[in-house]
């Protein structure tokens, strides 16, 4: 059976006289130790991800994807570090006030009322910050992604907790508040699809045109093997009217290569149709390309 060890008289007297101060100092030291351990762990995680990204970069993968992963990792690490610091600071203040004989319940109630007032006045800012956190943690988009945010469309240049910066095709840099983003269309996650709708003359041989489109796509795939994901598909007639018959060709591609592949397919299809004397529909745009996820 373990027996309690009696403290010397001087130690008992010291603790009796300076007990509150000793407990406050021990609480501060414990909080600092916990914070140091948490910061060390977060730093190790961020450093490990950074090393792995640099290793992947040496193998020739997309630098945009690497920059996106690095920014996301560092942002999450910063947020976690700040949350840990504020939580420990709140615990220290609570212990100090309790040891000083101050009722913490009244202070907490007052702080709750003050926080509610500040939250009501700054609800837009809080909504932006919370939305930014979810965007980062859920990886909705990152640096280098082509996105449609409703208010602005273009390439993401920066993702912050309050503001997302998007540069459109004309070069305008848009600053979009995260709390105002209701929907996100991301063309760079997973895979993309190049969709080519060819409007043919109504008298054209549709079966021959489909075979020409398939061979044109195969030729493009041979010249750009790194941009292709799977085989091209001819979906056949998707629409027709008295002056045109629309045939659709689709090709899966890697997101970073979709624009280059779309241009190459457009040129290859037009050249093949001309070579086989297949007429396009007259009037308006005879051929156009959409890129969809």
C-alpha atoms as a PDB file:
ATOM      1  CA  UNK A   1       0.000   0.000   0.000  1.00  0.00           C
ATOM      2  CA  UNK A   2       1.388   3.380  -1.060  1.00  0.00           C
ATOM      3  CA  UNK A   3       1.584   5.964   1.717  1.00  0.00           C
ATOM      4  CA  UNK A   4       1.517   9.720   1.202  1.00  0.00           C
ATOM      5  CA  UNK A   5       4.897  11.397   1.627  1.00  0.00           C
ATOM      6  CA  UNK A   6       4.842  14.190   4.184  1.00  0.00           C
ATOM      7  CA  UNK A   7       6.310  17.483   3.013  1.00  0.00           C
ATOM      8  CA  UNK A   8       8.896  19.285   5.146  1.00  0.00           C
ATOM      9  CA  UNK A   9       7.626  22.133   7.300  1.00  0.00           C
ATOM     10  CA  UNK A  10       9.302  24.788   5.136  1.00  0.00           C
ATOM     11  CA  UNK A  11       7.697  23.365   2.013  1.00  0.00           C
ATOM     12  CA  UNK A  12       4.274  23.243   3.643  1.00  0.00           C
ATOM     13  CA  UNK A  13       4.625  26.814   4.863  1.00  0.00           C
ATOM     14  CA  UNK A  14       5.829  27.954   1.437  1.00  0.00           C
ATOM     15  CA  UNK A  15       2.904  26.297  -0.326  1.00  0.00           C
ATOM     16  CA  UNK A  16       0.471  27.689   2.262  1.00  0.00           C
ATOM     17  CA  UNK A  17       1.751  31.250   1.796  1.00  0.00           C
ATOM     18  CA  UNK A  18       2.399  31.189  -1.944  1.00  0.00           C
ATOM     19  CA  UNK A  19       0.021  28.448  -3.082  1.00  0.00           C
ATOM     20  CA  UNK A  20      -2.000  30.541  -5.600  1.00  0.00           C
ATOM     21  CA  UNK A  21       1.133  31.991  -7.198  1.00  0.00           C
ATOM     22  CA  UNK A  22       2.747  28.551  -7.404  1.00  0.00           C
ATOM     23  CA  UNK A  23      -0.343  27.086  -9.064  1.00  0.00           C
ATOM     24  CA  UNK A  24      -0.452  29.984 -11.550  1.00  0.00           C
ATOM     25  CA  UNK A  25       3.231  29.507 -12.421  1.00  0.00           C
ATOM     26  CA  UNK A  26       2.776  25.753 -12.809  1.00  0.00           C
ATOM     27  CA  UNK A  27      -0.252  26.332 -15.058  1.00  0.00           C
ATOM     28  CA  UNK A  28       1.712  28.767 -17.254  1.00  0.00           C
ATOM     29  CA  UNK A  29       4.652  26.363 -17.496  1.00  0.00           C
ATOM     30  CA  UNK A  30       2.342  23.459 -18.371  1.00  0.00           C
ATOM     31  CA  UNK A  31       0.572  25.557 -21.021  1.00  0.00           C
ATOM     32  CA  UNK A  32       3.877  26.658 -22.550  1.00  0.00           C
ATOM     33  CA  UNK A  33       5.076  23.055 -22.619  1.00  0.00           C
ATOM     34  CA  UNK A  34       1.844  21.857 -24.271  1.00  0.00           C
ATOM     35  CA  UNK A  35       2.003  24.693 -26.814  1.00  0.00           C
ATOM     36  CA  UNK A  36       5.643  23.883 -27.631  1.00  0.00           C
ATOM     37  CA  UNK A  37       4.786  20.209 -28.169  1.00  0.00           C
ATOM     38  CA  UNK A  38       1.785  21.062 -30.389  1.00  0.00           C
ATOM     39  CA  UNK A  39       3.782  23.607 -32.424  1.00  0.00           C
ATOM     40  CA  UNK A  40       6.563  21.044 -32.851  1.00  0.00           C
ATOM     41  CA  UNK A  41       4.107  18.424 -34.090  1.00  0.00           C
ATOM     42  CA  UNK A  42       2.428  20.868 -36.506  1.00  0.00           C
ATOM     43  CA  UNK A  43       5.839  22.028 -37.779  1.00  0.00           C
ATOM     44  CA  UNK A  44       6.918  18.422 -38.341  1.00  0.00           C
ATOM     45  CA  UNK A  45       3.756  17.679 -40.325  1.00  0.00           C
ATOM     46  CA  UNK A  46       4.134  20.784 -42.508  1.00  0.00           C
ATOM     47  CA  UNK A  47       7.842  20.083 -43.015  1.00  0.00           C
ATOM     48  CA  UNK A  48       7.110  16.474 -43.963  1.00  0.00           C
ATOM     49  CA  UNK A  49       4.512  17.498 -46.536  1.00  0.00           C
ATOM     50  CA  UNK A  50       6.890  20.134 -47.932  1.00  0.00           C
ATOM     51  CA  UNK A  51       9.664  17.564 -48.363  1.00  0.00           C
ATOM     52  CA  UNK A  52       7.325  15.113 -50.082  1.00  0.00           C
ATOM     53  CA  UNK A  53       6.078  17.844 -52.441  1.00  0.00           C
ATOM     54  CA  UNK A  54       9.646  18.808 -53.366  1.00  0.00           C
ATOM     55  CA  UNK A  55      10.413  15.148 -53.995  1.00  0.00           C
ATOM     56  CA  UNK A  56       7.387  14.866 -56.273  1.00  0.00           C
ATOM     57  CA  UNK A  57       8.455  18.083 -58.031  1.00  0.00           C
ATOM     58  CA  UNK A  58      11.815  16.525 -58.874  1.00  0.00           C
ATOM     59  CA  UNK A  59       9.914  13.802 -60.751  1.00  0.00           C
ATOM     60  CA  UNK A  60       8.418  16.391 -63.106  1.00  0.00           C
ATOM     61  CA  UNK A  61       4.856  16.726 -61.831  1.00  0.00           C
ATOM     62  CA  UNK A  62       2.744  19.867 -62.078  1.00  0.00           C
ATOM     63  CA  UNK A  63       4.248  22.824 -60.146  1.00  0.00           C
ATOM     64  CA  UNK A  64       0.772  24.359 -59.804  1.00  0.00           C
ATOM     65  CA  UNK A  65      -0.530  21.312 -57.960  1.00  0.00           C
ATOM     66  CA  UNK A  66       2.525  21.372 -55.704  1.00  0.00           C
ATOM     67  CA  UNK A  67       2.102  25.083 -54.911  1.00  0.00           C
ATOM     68  CA  UNK A  68      -1.547  24.419 -54.114  1.00  0.00           C
ATOM     69  CA  UNK A  69      -0.726  21.579 -51.723  1.00  0.00           C
ATOM     70  CA  UNK A  70       1.989  23.614 -50.019  1.00  0.00           C
ATOM     71  CA  UNK A  71      -0.267  26.615 -49.501  1.00  0.00           C
ATOM     72  CA  UNK A  72      -3.098  24.450 -48.191  1.00  0.00           C
ATOM     73  CA  UNK A  73      -0.785  22.628 -45.764  1.00  0.00           C
ATOM     74  CA  UNK A  74       0.785  25.831 -44.447  1.00  0.00           C
ATOM     75  CA  UNK A  75      -2.629  27.480 -44.036  1.00  0.00           C
ATOM     76  CA  UNK A  76      -4.007  24.524 -42.089  1.00  0.00           C
ATOM     77  CA  UNK A  77      -0.869  24.464 -39.927  1.00  0.00           C
ATOM     78  CA  UNK A  78      -1.180  28.183 -39.196  1.00  0.00           C
ATOM     79  CA  UNK A  79      -4.865  27.876 -38.298  1.00  0.00           C
ATOM     80  CA  UNK A  80      -4.246  24.911 -35.985  1.00  0.00           C
ATOM     81  CA  UNK A  81      -1.349  26.720 -34.296  1.00  0.00           C
ATOM     82  CA  UNK A  82      -3.436  29.839 -33.681  1.00  0.00           C
ATOM     83  CA  UNK A  83      -6.376  27.824 -32.324  1.00  0.00           C
ATOM     84  CA  UNK A  84      -4.081  25.981 -29.913  1.00  0.00           C
ATOM     85  CA  UNK A  85      -2.489  29.242 -28.728  1.00  0.00           C
ATOM     86  CA  UNK A  86      -5.820  30.961 -28.066  1.00  0.00           C
ATOM     87  CA  UNK A  87      -7.263  27.927 -26.289  1.00  0.00           C
ATOM     88  CA  UNK A  88      -4.257  27.685 -23.958  1.00  0.00           C
ATOM     89  CA  UNK A  89      -4.315  31.457 -23.350  1.00  0.00           C
ATOM     90  CA  UNK A  90      -7.984  31.265 -22.367  1.00  0.00           C
ATOM     91  CA  UNK A  91      -7.192  28.403 -19.952  1.00  0.00           C
ATOM     92  CA  UNK A  92      -4.342  30.378 -18.339  1.00  0.00           C
ATOM     93  CA  UNK A  93      -6.476  33.495 -17.877  1.00  0.00           C
ATOM     94  CA  UNK A  94      -9.260  31.399 -16.325  1.00  0.00           C
ATOM     95  CA  UNK A  95      -6.840  29.817 -13.824  1.00  0.00           C
ATOM     96  CA  UNK A  96      -5.284  33.188 -12.911  1.00  0.00           C
ATOM     97  CA  UNK A  97      -8.667  34.794 -12.298  1.00  0.00           C
ATOM     98  CA  UNK A  98      -9.843  31.787 -10.272  1.00  0.00           C
ATOM     99  CA  UNK A  99      -6.740  31.867  -8.074  1.00  0.00           C
ATOM    100  CA  UNK A 100      -7.143  35.621  -7.622  1.00  0.00           C
ATOM    101  CA  UNK A 101     -10.626  35.067  -6.230  1.00  0.00           C
ATOM    102  CA  UNK A 102     -12.466  36.488  -9.225  1.00  0.00           C
ATOM    103  CA  UNK A 103     -15.663  34.730 -10.248  1.00  0.00           C
ATOM    104  CA  UNK A 104     -14.993  33.368 -13.709  1.00  0.00           C
ATOM    105  CA  UNK A 105     -18.646  32.556 -14.336  1.00  0.00           C
ATOM    106  CA  UNK A 106     -19.599  36.246 -14.363  1.00  0.00           C
ATOM    107  CA  UNK A 107     -16.677  37.067 -16.651  1.00  0.00           C
ATOM    108  CA  UNK A 108     -17.574  34.240 -19.017  1.00  0.00           C
ATOM    109  CA  UNK A 109     -21.182  35.431 -19.108  1.00  0.00           C
ATOM    110  CA  UNK A 110     -20.040  38.990 -19.829  1.00  0.00           C
ATOM    111  CA  UNK A 111     -17.623  37.783 -22.475  1.00  0.00           C
ATOM    112  CA  UNK A 112     -20.454  35.807 -24.055  1.00  0.00           C
ATOM    113  CA  UNK A 113     -22.637  38.895 -24.261  1.00  0.00           C
ATOM    114  CA  UNK A 114     -19.740  40.958 -25.656  1.00  0.00           C
ATOM    115  CA  UNK A 115     -18.899  38.196 -28.146  1.00  0.00           C
ATOM    116  CA  UNK A 116     -22.522  38.038 -29.272  1.00  0.00           C
ATOM    117  CA  UNK A 117     -22.526  41.792 -29.860  1.00  0.00           C
ATOM    118  CA  UNK A 118     -19.250  41.684 -31.764  1.00  0.00           C
ATOM    119  CA  UNK A 119     -20.448  38.677 -33.726  1.00  0.00           C
ATOM    120  CA  UNK A 120     -23.617  40.479 -34.755  1.00  0.00           C
ATOM    121  CA  UNK A 121     -21.676  43.549 -35.833  1.00  0.00           C
ATOM    122  CA  UNK A 122     -18.960  41.592 -37.606  1.00  0.00           C
ATOM    123  CA  UNK A 123     -21.052  38.707 -38.885  1.00  0.00           C
ATOM    124  CA  UNK A 124     -19.937  39.332 -42.472  1.00  0.00           C
ATOM    125  CA  UNK A 125     -16.272  39.065 -41.484  1.00  0.00           C
ATOM    126  CA  UNK A 126     -16.924  35.935 -39.424  1.00  0.00           C
ATOM    127  CA  UNK A 127     -18.838  34.358 -42.310  1.00  0.00           C
ATOM    128  CA  UNK A 128     -15.932  35.092 -44.663  1.00  0.00           C
ATOM    129  CA  UNK A 129     -13.420  33.524 -42.256  1.00  0.00           C
ATOM    130  CA  UNK A 130     -15.532  30.413 -41.634  1.00  0.00           C
ATOM    131  CA  UNK A 131     -16.127  29.973 -45.357  1.00  0.00           C
ATOM    132  CA  UNK A 132     -12.398  30.347 -45.970  1.00  0.00           C
ATOM    133  CA  UNK A 133     -11.660  27.641 -43.408  1.00  0.00           C
ATOM    134  CA  UNK A 134     -14.068  25.213 -45.086  1.00  0.00           C
ATOM    135  CA  UNK A 135     -12.634  26.041 -48.527  1.00  0.00           C
ATOM    136  CA  UNK A 136      -9.116  25.212 -47.302  1.00  0.00           C
ATOM    137  CA  UNK A 137     -10.015  22.097 -45.306  1.00  0.00           C
ATOM    138  CA  UNK A 138     -12.325  20.682 -47.995  1.00  0.00           C
ATOM    139  CA  UNK A 139      -9.847  21.536 -50.770  1.00  0.00           C
ATOM    140  CA  UNK A 140     -12.561  23.051 -52.961  1.00  0.00           C
ATOM    141  CA  UNK A 141      -9.941  24.845 -55.070  1.00  0.00           C
ATOM    142  CA  UNK A 142      -6.351  26.002 -54.900  1.00  0.00           C
ATOM    143  CA  UNK A 143      -3.697  28.110 -56.585  1.00  0.00           C
ATOM    144  CA  UNK A 144      -3.631  27.514 -60.338  1.00  0.00           C
ATOM    145  CA  UNK A 145      -7.158  26.072 -60.618  1.00  0.00           C
ATOM    146  CA  UNK A 146      -9.528  27.338 -63.308  1.00  0.00           C
ATOM    147  CA  UNK A 147     -12.750  28.080 -61.444  1.00  0.00           C
ATOM    148  CA  UNK A 148     -16.172  29.644 -61.835  1.00  0.00           C
ATOM    149  CA  UNK A 149     -17.182  31.315 -58.567  1.00  0.00           C
ATOM    150  CA  UNK A 150     -20.313  32.963 -59.895  1.00  0.00           C
ATOM    151  CA  UNK A 151     -19.041  36.509 -59.356  1.00  0.00           C
ATOM    152  CA  UNK A 152     -15.790  35.821 -61.218  1.00  0.00           C
ATOM    153  CA  UNK A 153     -14.268  33.168 -63.436  1.00  0.00           C
ATOM    154  CA  UNK A 154     -10.592  32.574 -64.154  1.00  0.00           C
ATOM    155  CA  UNK A 155      -7.417  31.204 -62.604  1.00  0.00           C
ATOM    156  CA  UNK A 156      -6.974  31.256 -58.826  1.00  0.00           C
ATOM    157  CA  UNK A 157      -3.861  33.197 -57.804  1.00  0.00           C
ATOM    158  CA  UNK A 158      -4.314  33.246 -54.033  1.00  0.00           C
ATOM    159  CA  UNK A 159      -6.556  31.584 -51.443  1.00  0.00           C
ATOM    160  CA  UNK A 160      -6.871  33.361 -48.106  1.00  0.00           C
ATOM    161  CA  UNK A 161      -9.141  32.848 -45.139  1.00  0.00           C
ATOM    162  CA  UNK A 162     -11.163  35.954 -46.071  1.00  0.00           C
ATOM    163  CA  UNK A 163     -10.435  36.691 -49.742  1.00  0.00           C
ATOM    164  CA  UNK A 164      -9.865  34.601 -52.871  1.00  0.00           C
ATOM    165  CA  UNK A 165      -8.001  36.252 -55.760  1.00  0.00           C
ATOM    166  CA  UNK A 166      -9.025  35.209 -59.283  1.00  0.00           C
ATOM    167  CA  UNK A 167      -7.544  36.555 -62.532  1.00  0.00           C
ATOM    168  CA  UNK A 168      -9.902  36.368 -65.507  1.00  0.00           C
ATOM    169  CA  UNK A 169      -9.040  35.824 -69.168  1.00  0.00           C
ATOM    170  CA  UNK A 170      -8.688  39.582 -69.766  1.00  0.00           C
ATOM    171  CA  UNK A 171      -6.115  39.919 -66.987  1.00  0.00           C
ATOM    172  CA  UNK A 172      -8.391  41.556 -64.404  1.00  0.00           C
ATOM    173  CA  UNK A 173      -7.635  40.448 -60.835  1.00  0.00           C
ATOM    174  CA  UNK A 174     -10.852  39.864 -58.883  1.00  0.00           C
ATOM    175  CA  UNK A 175     -10.978  39.873 -55.069  1.00  0.00           C
ATOM    176  CA  UNK A 176     -13.886  37.649 -54.045  1.00  0.00           C
ATOM    177  CA  UNK A 177     -15.016  37.435 -50.414  1.00  0.00           C
ATOM    178  CA  UNK A 178     -15.240  33.807 -49.359  1.00  0.00           C
ATOM    179  CA  UNK A 179     -18.559  34.352 -47.598  1.00  0.00           C
ATOM    180  CA  UNK A 180     -20.149  35.460 -50.881  1.00  0.00           C
ATOM    181  CA  UNK A 181     -19.190  32.275 -52.765  1.00  0.00           C
ATOM    182  CA  UNK A 182     -22.345  30.170 -53.056  1.00  0.00           C
ATOM    183  CA  UNK A 183     -21.099  27.699 -55.653  1.00  0.00           C
ATOM    184  CA  UNK A 184     -17.735  26.616 -57.048  1.00  0.00           C
ATOM    185  CA  UNK A 185     -17.071  25.132 -60.463  1.00  0.00           C
ATOM    186  CA  UNK A 186     -13.549  23.688 -60.542  1.00  0.00           C
ATOM    187  CA  UNK A 187     -12.149  22.529 -63.884  1.00  0.00           C
ATOM    188  CA  UNK A 188      -8.863  21.217 -62.451  1.00  0.00           C
ATOM    189  CA  UNK A 189      -9.836  18.499 -60.008  1.00  0.00           C
ATOM    190  CA  UNK A 190      -9.563  14.878 -61.030  1.00  0.00           C
ATOM    191  CA  UNK A 191     -10.051  14.942 -64.785  1.00  0.00           C
ATOM    192  CA  UNK A 192     -11.515  17.152 -67.486  1.00  0.00           C
ATOM    193  CA  UNK A 193     -13.307  16.433 -70.725  1.00  0.00           C
ATOM    194  CA  UNK A 194     -12.932  18.132 -74.079  1.00  0.00           C
ATOM    195  CA  UNK A 195     -16.287  18.196 -75.880  1.00  0.00           C
ATOM    196  CA  UNK A 196     -16.379  18.983 -79.600  1.00  0.00           C
ATOM    197  CA  UNK A 197     -19.760  19.519 -81.283  1.00  0.00           C
ATOM    198  CA  UNK A 198     -19.462  19.478 -85.075  1.00  0.00           C
ATOM    199  CA  UNK A 199     -22.376  20.939 -87.017  1.00  0.00           C
ATOM    200  CA  UNK A 200     -22.519  19.088 -90.359  1.00  0.00           C
ATOM    201  CA  UNK A 201     -24.404  19.822 -93.520  1.00  0.00           C
ATOM    202  CA  UNK A 202     -27.741  17.920 -93.403  1.00  0.00           C
ATOM    203  CA  UNK A 203     -26.776  16.032 -96.586  1.00  0.00           C
ATOM    204  CA  UNK A 204     -23.431  14.851 -95.169  1.00  0.00           C
ATOM    205  CA  UNK A 205     -22.750  11.154 -94.582  1.00  0.00           C
ATOM    206  CA  UNK A 206     -23.045  10.972 -90.784  1.00  0.00           C
ATOM    207  CA  UNK A 207     -21.489   7.492 -90.466  1.00  0.00           C
ATOM    208  CA  UNK A 208     -18.458   8.554 -92.483  1.00  0.00           C
ATOM    209  CA  UNK A 209     -18.163  11.774 -90.493  1.00  0.00           C
ATOM    210  CA  UNK A 210     -18.162   9.839 -87.199  1.00  0.00           C
ATOM    211  CA  UNK A 211     -15.366   7.583 -88.460  1.00  0.00           C
ATOM    212  CA  UNK A 212     -13.358  10.625 -89.595  1.00  0.00           C
ATOM    213  CA  UNK A 213     -13.765  12.227 -86.171  1.00  0.00           C
ATOM    214  CA  UNK A 214     -12.649   9.040 -84.429  1.00  0.00           C
ATOM    215  CA  UNK A 215      -9.517   8.729 -86.570  1.00  0.00           C
ATOM    216  CA  UNK A 216      -8.702  12.420 -86.076  1.00  0.00           C
ATOM    217  CA  UNK A 217      -8.929  11.953 -82.302  1.00  0.00           C
ATOM    218  CA  UNK A 218      -6.718   8.842 -82.469  1.00  0.00           C
ATOM    219  CA  UNK A 219      -4.091  10.754 -84.453  1.00  0.00           C
ATOM    220  CA  UNK A 220      -4.115  13.546 -81.900  1.00  0.00           C
ATOM    221  CA  UNK A 221      -3.792  11.018 -79.057  1.00  0.00           C
ATOM    222  CA  UNK A 222      -0.664   9.543 -80.665  1.00  0.00           C
ATOM    223  CA  UNK A 223       0.949  12.975 -80.932  1.00  0.00           C
ATOM    224  CA  UNK A 224      -0.017  13.979 -77.349  1.00  0.00           C
ATOM    225  CA  UNK A 225       0.040  10.769 -75.271  1.00  0.00           C
ATOM    226  CA  UNK A 226       0.658  12.555 -71.948  1.00  0.00           C
ATOM    227  CA  UNK A 227      -2.471  14.685 -72.358  1.00  0.00           C
ATOM    228  CA  UNK A 228      -4.883  11.827 -72.990  1.00  0.00           C
ATOM    229  CA  UNK A 229      -6.860   9.804 -70.441  1.00  0.00           C
ATOM    230  CA  UNK A 230      -8.544   6.869 -72.169  1.00  0.00           C
ATOM    231  CA  UNK A 231      -9.865   6.613 -75.706  1.00  0.00           C
ATOM    232  CA  UNK A 232     -11.919   9.230 -77.526  1.00  0.00           C
ATOM    233  CA  UNK A 233     -15.656   8.582 -77.844  1.00  0.00           C
ATOM    234  CA  UNK A 234     -18.027   9.634 -80.622  1.00  0.00           C
ATOM    235  CA  UNK A 235     -21.431  10.075 -79.024  1.00  0.00           C
ATOM    236  CA  UNK A 236     -23.164  10.369 -82.359  1.00  0.00           C
ATOM    237  CA  UNK A 237     -25.918  12.778 -83.323  1.00  0.00           C
ATOM    238  CA  UNK A 238     -26.843  15.014 -80.395  1.00  0.00           C
ATOM    239  CA  UNK A 239     -29.074  17.453 -82.289  1.00  0.00           C
ATOM    240  CA  UNK A 240     -30.373  18.091 -85.803  1.00  0.00           C
ATOM    241  CA  UNK A 241     -32.556  20.533 -87.668  1.00  0.00           C
ATOM    242  CA  UNK A 242     -33.343  21.460 -91.258  1.00  0.00           C
ATOM    243  CA  UNK A 243     -29.949  23.095 -91.828  1.00  0.00           C
ATOM    244  CA  UNK A 244     -27.519  21.077 -89.680  1.00  0.00           C
ATOM    245  CA  UNK A 245     -26.757  17.764 -87.984  1.00  0.00           C
ATOM    246  CA  UNK A 246     -24.643  18.001 -84.803  1.00  0.00           C
ATOM    247  CA  UNK A 247     -22.229  15.150 -84.018  1.00  0.00           C
ATOM    248  CA  UNK A 248     -20.373  15.077 -80.700  1.00  0.00           C
ATOM    249  CA  UNK A 249     -16.805  13.937 -80.017  1.00  0.00           C
ATOM    250  CA  UNK A 250     -15.513  13.717 -76.430  1.00  0.00           C
ATOM    251  CA  UNK A 251     -12.056  13.046 -75.008  1.00  0.00           C
ATOM    252  CA  UNK A 252     -10.997  12.765 -71.362  1.00  0.00           C
ATOM    253  CA  UNK A 253      -7.835  14.631 -70.482  1.00  0.00           C
ATOM    254  CA  UNK A 254      -5.684  15.731 -67.595  1.00  0.00           C
ATOM    255  CA  UNK A 255      -6.832  19.138 -66.279  1.00  0.00           C
ATOM    256  CA  UNK A 256      -3.511  20.881 -66.901  1.00  0.00           C
ATOM    257  CA  UNK A 257      -3.550  19.862 -70.584  1.00  0.00           C
ATOM    258  CA  UNK A 258      -7.186  20.518 -71.510  1.00  0.00           C
ATOM    259  CA  UNK A 259      -6.673  23.813 -73.373  1.00  0.00           C
ATOM    260  CA  UNK A 260      -3.723  22.492 -75.370  1.00  0.00           C
ATOM    261  CA  UNK A 261      -5.600  19.314 -76.248  1.00  0.00           C
ATOM    262  CA  UNK A 262      -8.740  21.234 -77.229  1.00  0.00           C
ATOM    263  CA  UNK A 263      -6.769  23.350 -79.715  1.00  0.00           C
ATOM    264  CA  UNK A 264      -5.048  20.282 -81.176  1.00  0.00           C
ATOM    265  CA  UNK A 265      -8.326  18.386 -81.552  1.00  0.00           C
ATOM    266  CA  UNK A 266     -10.003  21.389 -83.124  1.00  0.00           C
ATOM    267  CA  UNK A 267      -7.263  21.644 -85.753  1.00  0.00           C
ATOM    268  CA  UNK A 268      -7.154  17.883 -86.373  1.00  0.00           C
ATOM    269  CA  UNK A 269     -10.933  17.608 -86.810  1.00  0.00           C
ATOM    270  CA  UNK A 270     -11.115  20.548 -89.204  1.00  0.00           C
ATOM    271  CA  UNK A 271      -8.221  19.196 -91.300  1.00  0.00           C
ATOM    272  CA  UNK A 272      -9.701  15.687 -91.451  1.00  0.00           C
ATOM    273  CA  UNK A 273     -13.151  16.942 -92.467  1.00  0.00           C
ATOM    274  CA  UNK A 274     -11.688  19.067 -95.248  1.00  0.00           C
ATOM    275  CA  UNK A 275      -9.518  16.177 -96.464  1.00  0.00           C
ATOM    276  CA  UNK A 276     -12.536  13.862 -96.696  1.00  0.00           C
ATOM    277  CA  UNK A 277     -14.702  16.586 -98.307  1.00  0.00           C
ATOM    278  CA  UNK A 278     -17.302  16.525 -95.546  1.00  0.00           C
ATOM    279  CA  UNK A 279     -19.179  19.809 -95.528  1.00  0.00           C
ATOM    280  CA  UNK A 280     -19.938  21.739 -92.394  1.00  0.00           C
ATOM    281  CA  UNK A 281     -23.244  23.470 -91.839  1.00  0.00           C
ATOM    282  CA  UNK A 282     -23.459  26.958 -93.296  1.00  0.00           C
ATOM    283  CA  UNK A 283     -24.192  30.032 -91.222  1.00  0.00           C
ATOM    284  CA  UNK A 284     -23.120  30.727 -87.621  1.00  0.00           C
ATOM    285  CA  UNK A 285     -20.329  28.788 -85.964  1.00  0.00           C
ATOM    286  CA  UNK A 286     -19.812  25.445 -87.657  1.00  0.00           C
ATOM    287  CA  UNK A 287     -17.592  23.966 -84.989  1.00  0.00           C
ATOM    288  CA  UNK A 288     -16.995  24.854 -81.359  1.00  0.00           C
ATOM    289  CA  UNK A 289     -15.344  23.310 -78.355  1.00  0.00           C
ATOM    290  CA  UNK A 290     -16.432  23.169 -74.726  1.00  0.00           C
ATOM    291  CA  UNK A 291     -14.296  21.900 -71.868  1.00  0.00           C
ATOM    292  CA  UNK A 292     -16.265  20.266 -69.072  1.00  0.00           C
ATOM    293  CA  UNK A 293     -15.480  18.290 -65.947  1.00  0.00           C
END
